[in-house]
Amino acid sequence: IMALTGAGGGILSIPVLMVGLGMDMSSAKPLSLLAVGLGAAMGAMHGLRMKLLHYRAVLYMSLLGILMAPLGIWLSRLIGQQTLAVVFGGVLVLAGWRSLRLLLMPSSPGNDKDAPYVPRPCAIDPGSGRVIWTPASFAILGLIGAVTGLLSGMLGVGGGFFMVPMLSHFTNLRYQNILVTSLGVIALVSGFSALEMLRQGTPIASTSFGFVAAAVVGMLLGRVLVQRIPSG
């Protein structure tokens, strides 16, 4: 699903690990982030070779996300497991609602090549497709990256469910560029968040690394499917 949509890894893997393997949320988070981060890295590297990844935007958003991830980890320990589970449930509802809204829209931003160019707050050069680094672009992409890092550290999710609709709303990037750019940020921020959790002593069961391997296989299959499914 992450290969197809640029999102959905963490918000699916956390419930699977908790229900399927009986983990608590604190133990499921680093494993989820390792699986999501590794799978996202594979997708991002493929997108980089295809010249779909906006690497400057990825590095900038990832930097802000990495700076905010420790705050998310601290908040998750402050509010407790039960409250965290309620917050996670709210995030699931919000992600589903935003996905439904995008589905009901007449067209998604940036997907129709024949549609007239409509300027958006985060400016994209209509000729080259590159980000124009205006103050608004810095502010919007920085905020998206920061929130992504906060969600990653607090809930153990990659944050693609937040990044993809935000990039669709605030930029004129095409869907494939949004997907790959989202994967690039997920790979860096999730990887850092997982390592930070492990450094702080969060336990992880070695027997559950099959889940990480399965995520890699899923990403490989998704890369094949995404070439055959229209983005519009």
Protein backbone atom coordinates (compact mmCIF):
# COMPACT_ATOMS: atom_id res chain seq x y z
CA ILE A 1 0.00 0.00 0.00
CA MET A 2 2.85 2.38 0.75
CA ALA A 3 4.34 1.75 -2.70
CA LEU A 4 0.98 2.54 -4.33
CA THR A 5 0.00 5.59 -2.30
CA GLY A 6 3.10 6.93 -0.55
CA ALA A 7 1.26 6.41 2.75
CA GLY A 8 -0.41 3.78 4.88
CA GLY A 9 2.61 1.91 6.24
CA GLY A 10 2.61 2.89 9.89
CA ILE A 11 -1.12 3.36 10.34
CA LEU A 12 -1.58 -0.25 9.22
CA SER A 13 1.49 -1.87 10.75
CA ILE A 14 0.93 -0.59 14.30
CA PRO A 15 -2.52 -2.25 14.65
CA VAL A 16 -1.21 -5.43 12.97
CA LEU A 17 1.71 -5.70 15.42
CA MET A 18 -0.48 -4.97 18.43
CA VAL A 19 -3.30 -7.35 17.50
CA GLY A 20 -1.37 -9.99 15.57
CA LEU A 21 1.75 -10.25 17.72
CA GLY A 22 0.36 -8.97 21.01
CA MET A 23 2.84 -6.10 21.31
CA ASP A 24 2.17 -2.97 23.28
CA MET A 25 2.38 0.29 21.38
CA SER A 26 5.81 1.26 22.69
CA SER A 27 7.34 -2.01 21.44
CA ALA A 28 5.47 -1.90 18.13
CA LYS A 29 6.62 1.62 17.22
CA PRO A 30 10.34 1.00 16.46
CA LEU A 31 9.59 -2.21 14.57
CA SER A 32 6.90 -0.45 12.53
CA LEU A 33 9.26 2.42 11.75
CA LEU A 34 12.07 0.05 10.70
CA ALA A 35 9.76 -1.78 8.33
CA VAL A 36 8.20 1.39 6.97
CA GLY A 37 11.53 3.19 6.68
CA LEU A 38 13.29 0.36 4.85
CA GLY A 39 10.41 -0.15 2.46
CA ALA A 40 10.14 3.58 1.82
CA ALA A 41 13.89 3.82 1.15
CA MET A 42 13.61 1.24 -1.60
CA GLY A 43 10.75 3.12 -3.22
CA ALA A 44 12.55 6.44 -2.89
CA MET A 45 15.75 5.12 -4.47
CA HIS A 46 13.75 3.80 -7.40
CA GLY A 47 12.05 7.19 -7.73
CA LEU A 48 15.42 8.94 -7.61
CA ARG A 49 16.67 6.83 -10.51
CA MET A 50 13.49 7.71 -12.41
CA LYS A 51 14.08 11.42 -11.65
CA LEU A 52 10.78 11.70 -9.80
CA LEU A 53 12.16 12.52 -6.35
CA HIS A 54 12.62 16.18 -5.37
CA TYR A 55 15.72 15.60 -3.29
CA ARG A 56 16.13 19.17 -2.04
CA ALA A 57 12.58 19.16 -0.67
CA VAL A 58 13.15 15.69 0.81
CA LEU A 59 16.32 16.77 2.62
CA TYR A 60 14.74 19.96 3.91
CA MET A 61 11.53 18.32 5.17
CA SER A 62 13.51 15.41 6.63
CA LEU A 63 15.79 17.76 8.56
CA LEU A 64 12.78 19.41 10.20
CA GLY A 65 11.21 16.01 10.81
CA ILE A 66 14.36 14.62 12.44
CA LEU A 67 14.54 17.64 14.74
CA MET A 68 10.91 17.13 15.83
CA ALA A 69 10.97 13.33 16.21
CA PRO A 70 12.59 13.35 19.71
CA LEU A 71 9.84 15.69 20.88
CA GLY A 72 7.27 13.20 19.61
CA ILE A 73 9.01 10.37 21.46
CA TRP A 74 9.02 12.44 24.66
CA LEU A 75 5.33 13.31 24.27
CA SER A 76 4.41 9.66 23.75
CA ARG A 77 5.99 8.75 27.09
CA LEU A 78 4.41 11.73 28.80
CA ILE A 79 0.80 11.04 27.83
CA GLY A 80 0.81 7.27 28.45
CA GLN A 81 -0.21 4.21 26.45
CA GLN A 82 -4.00 4.46 26.79
CA THR A 83 -4.16 8.10 25.75
CA LEU A 84 -1.70 7.39 22.96
CA ALA A 85 -3.97 4.62 21.66
CA VAL A 86 -6.90 7.07 21.60
CA VAL A 87 -4.78 9.61 19.70
CA PHE A 88 -3.75 6.92 17.24
CA GLY A 89 -7.40 5.99 16.70
CA GLY A 90 -8.18 9.63 16.00
CA VAL A 91 -5.37 9.73 13.45
CA LEU A 92 -6.84 6.68 11.72
CA VAL A 93 -10.24 8.36 11.48
CA LEU A 94 -8.67 11.58 10.16
CA ALA A 95 -6.61 9.68 7.58
CA GLY A 96 -9.70 7.84 6.37
CA TRP A 97 -11.70 11.06 6.14
CA ARG A 98 -9.01 12.86 4.15
CA SER A 99 -8.68 9.90 1.80
CA LEU A 100 -12.44 9.91 1.24
CA ARG A 101 -12.40 13.65 0.50
CA LEU A 102 -9.63 13.18 -2.07
CA LEU A 103 -11.59 10.34 -3.65
CA LEU A 104 -14.69 12.52 -3.99
CA MET A 105 -12.81 15.45 -5.53
CA PRO A 106 -13.43 15.90 -9.29
CA SER A 107 -9.68 15.71 -9.93
CA SER A 108 -6.56 15.57 -7.82
CA PRO A 109 -4.11 18.48 -8.04
CA GLY A 110 -1.30 17.94 -10.52
CA ASN A 111 -2.64 14.76 -12.13
CA ASP A 112 -4.28 16.20 -15.24
CA LYS A 113 -1.60 17.22 -17.74
CA ASP A 114 -4.14 19.23 -19.78
CA ALA A 115 -5.51 21.18 -16.83
CA PRO A 116 -4.58 24.87 -16.65
CA TYR A 117 -1.76 25.76 -14.29
CA VAL A 118 -3.15 27.14 -11.04
CA PRO A 119 -0.60 28.81 -8.74
CA ARG A 120 -0.44 27.33 -5.24
CA PRO A 121 1.23 28.61 -2.06
CA CYS A 122 4.27 26.35 -2.49
CA ALA A 123 5.43 27.47 -5.92
CA ILE A 124 6.43 24.89 -8.54
CA ASP A 125 8.03 25.97 -11.81
CA PRO A 126 5.54 24.82 -14.48
CA GLY A 127 8.33 24.21 -16.97
CA SER A 128 10.93 22.26 -14.97
CA GLY A 129 8.58 20.99 -12.25
CA ARG A 130 11.07 22.05 -9.54
CA VAL A 131 10.21 23.76 -6.28
CA ILE A 132 10.68 27.54 -6.34
CA TRP A 133 12.16 28.29 -2.92
CA THR A 134 10.12 31.27 -1.83
CA PRO A 135 9.47 32.11 1.85
CA ALA A 136 6.07 30.43 1.49
CA SER A 137 7.68 27.26 0.13
CA PHE A 138 10.15 27.14 3.01
CA ALA A 139 7.35 27.66 5.53
CA ILE A 140 4.92 25.12 4.07
CA LEU A 141 7.41 22.34 3.38
CA GLY A 142 9.10 22.96 6.73
CA LEU A 143 5.80 22.68 8.58
CA ILE A 144 4.91 19.48 6.72
CA GLY A 145 8.29 17.99 7.61
CA ALA A 146 8.05 19.04 11.25
CA VAL A 147 4.58 17.55 11.73
CA THR A 148 5.70 14.36 9.99
CA GLY A 149 8.60 14.00 12.44
CA LEU A 150 6.34 14.69 15.41
CA LEU A 151 3.87 12.01 14.28
CA SER A 152 6.70 9.57 13.60
CA GLY A 153 8.18 9.91 17.07
CA MET A 154 4.86 10.01 18.91
CA LEU A 155 2.83 7.35 17.07
CA GLY A 156 5.40 5.25 15.20
CA VAL A 157 3.96 6.11 11.78
CA GLY A 158 5.79 7.28 8.67
CA GLY A 159 3.48 10.26 8.20
CA GLY A 160 2.68 9.68 4.53
CA PHE A 161 -1.05 9.91 5.24
CA PHE A 162 -0.35 13.51 6.26
CA MET A 163 2.31 14.43 3.69
CA VAL A 164 0.55 13.18 0.57
CA PRO A 165 -2.66 15.23 0.96
CA MET A 166 -0.71 18.27 2.18
CA LEU A 167 1.64 18.20 -0.81
CA SER A 168 -1.37 17.67 -3.09
CA HIS A 169 -3.13 20.67 -1.59
CA PHE A 170 -0.25 23.15 -1.39
CA THR A 171 1.79 22.28 -4.50
CA ASN A 172 1.33 21.54 -8.20
CA LEU A 173 3.50 18.43 -8.05
CA ARG A 174 2.17 15.47 -10.00
CA TYR A 175 1.01 12.41 -8.11
CA GLN A 176 4.09 10.30 -8.89
CA ASN A 177 6.39 13.07 -7.67
CA ILE A 178 4.34 13.48 -4.49
CA LEU A 179 4.41 9.74 -3.85
CA VAL A 180 8.17 9.38 -4.29
CA THR A 181 8.99 12.58 -2.38
CA SER A 182 6.81 11.36 0.47
CA LEU A 183 8.66 8.04 0.50
CA GLY A 184 11.99 9.84 0.67
CA VAL A 185 10.97 11.80 3.76
CA ILE A 186 9.44 8.70 5.36
CA ALA A 187 12.65 6.73 4.84
CA LEU A 188 14.87 9.31 6.54
CA VAL A 189 12.56 10.38 9.36
CA SER A 190 11.31 6.87 10.18
CA GLY A 191 14.82 5.47 10.16
CA PHE A 192 16.06 8.15 12.53
CA SER A 193 13.03 7.81 14.83
CA ALA A 194 13.45 4.02 15.06
CA LEU A 195 17.16 4.31 15.87
CA GLU A 196 16.46 7.00 18.46
CA MET A 197 13.85 4.79 20.16
CA LEU A 198 16.28 1.87 20.22
CA ARG A 199 19.04 4.14 21.56
CA GLN A 200 16.73 5.19 24.39
CA GLY A 201 16.20 1.55 25.33
CA THR A 202 12.90 0.62 23.68
CA PRO A 203 12.93 -3.20 23.38
CA ILE A 204 12.44 -4.95 20.05
CA ALA A 205 11.97 -8.70 19.55
CA SER A 206 14.43 -10.25 17.09
CA THR A 207 11.83 -12.84 16.05
CA SER A 208 9.61 -10.09 14.64
CA PHE A 209 12.09 -9.01 11.96
CA GLY A 210 10.14 -11.22 9.55
CA PHE A 211 7.67 -8.35 9.54
CA VAL A 212 10.41 -6.04 8.23
CA ALA A 213 11.31 -8.55 5.51
CA ALA A 214 7.65 -8.82 4.53
CA ALA A 215 7.45 -5.03 4.20
CA VAL A 216 10.37 -5.11 1.75
CA VAL A 217 8.65 -7.81 -0.31
CA GLY A 218 5.46 -5.75 -0.28
CA MET A 219 7.31 -2.68 -1.51
CA LEU A 220 8.84 -4.69 -4.38
CA LEU A 221 5.41 -5.96 -5.41
CA GLY A 222 3.92 -2.49 -5.07
CA ARG A 223 6.58 -1.02 -7.35
CA VAL A 224 5.48 -3.44 -10.05
CA LEU A 225 1.78 -2.67 -9.56
CA VAL A 226 2.16 1.11 -9.43
CA GLN A 227 3.44 1.15 -13.02
CA ARG A 228 0.18 -0.46 -14.18
CA ILE A 229 -2.35 1.60 -12.23
CA PRO A 230 -3.36 5.06 -13.50
CA SER A 231 -2.75 7.84 -10.98
CA GLY A 232 -5.84 9.89 -11.89
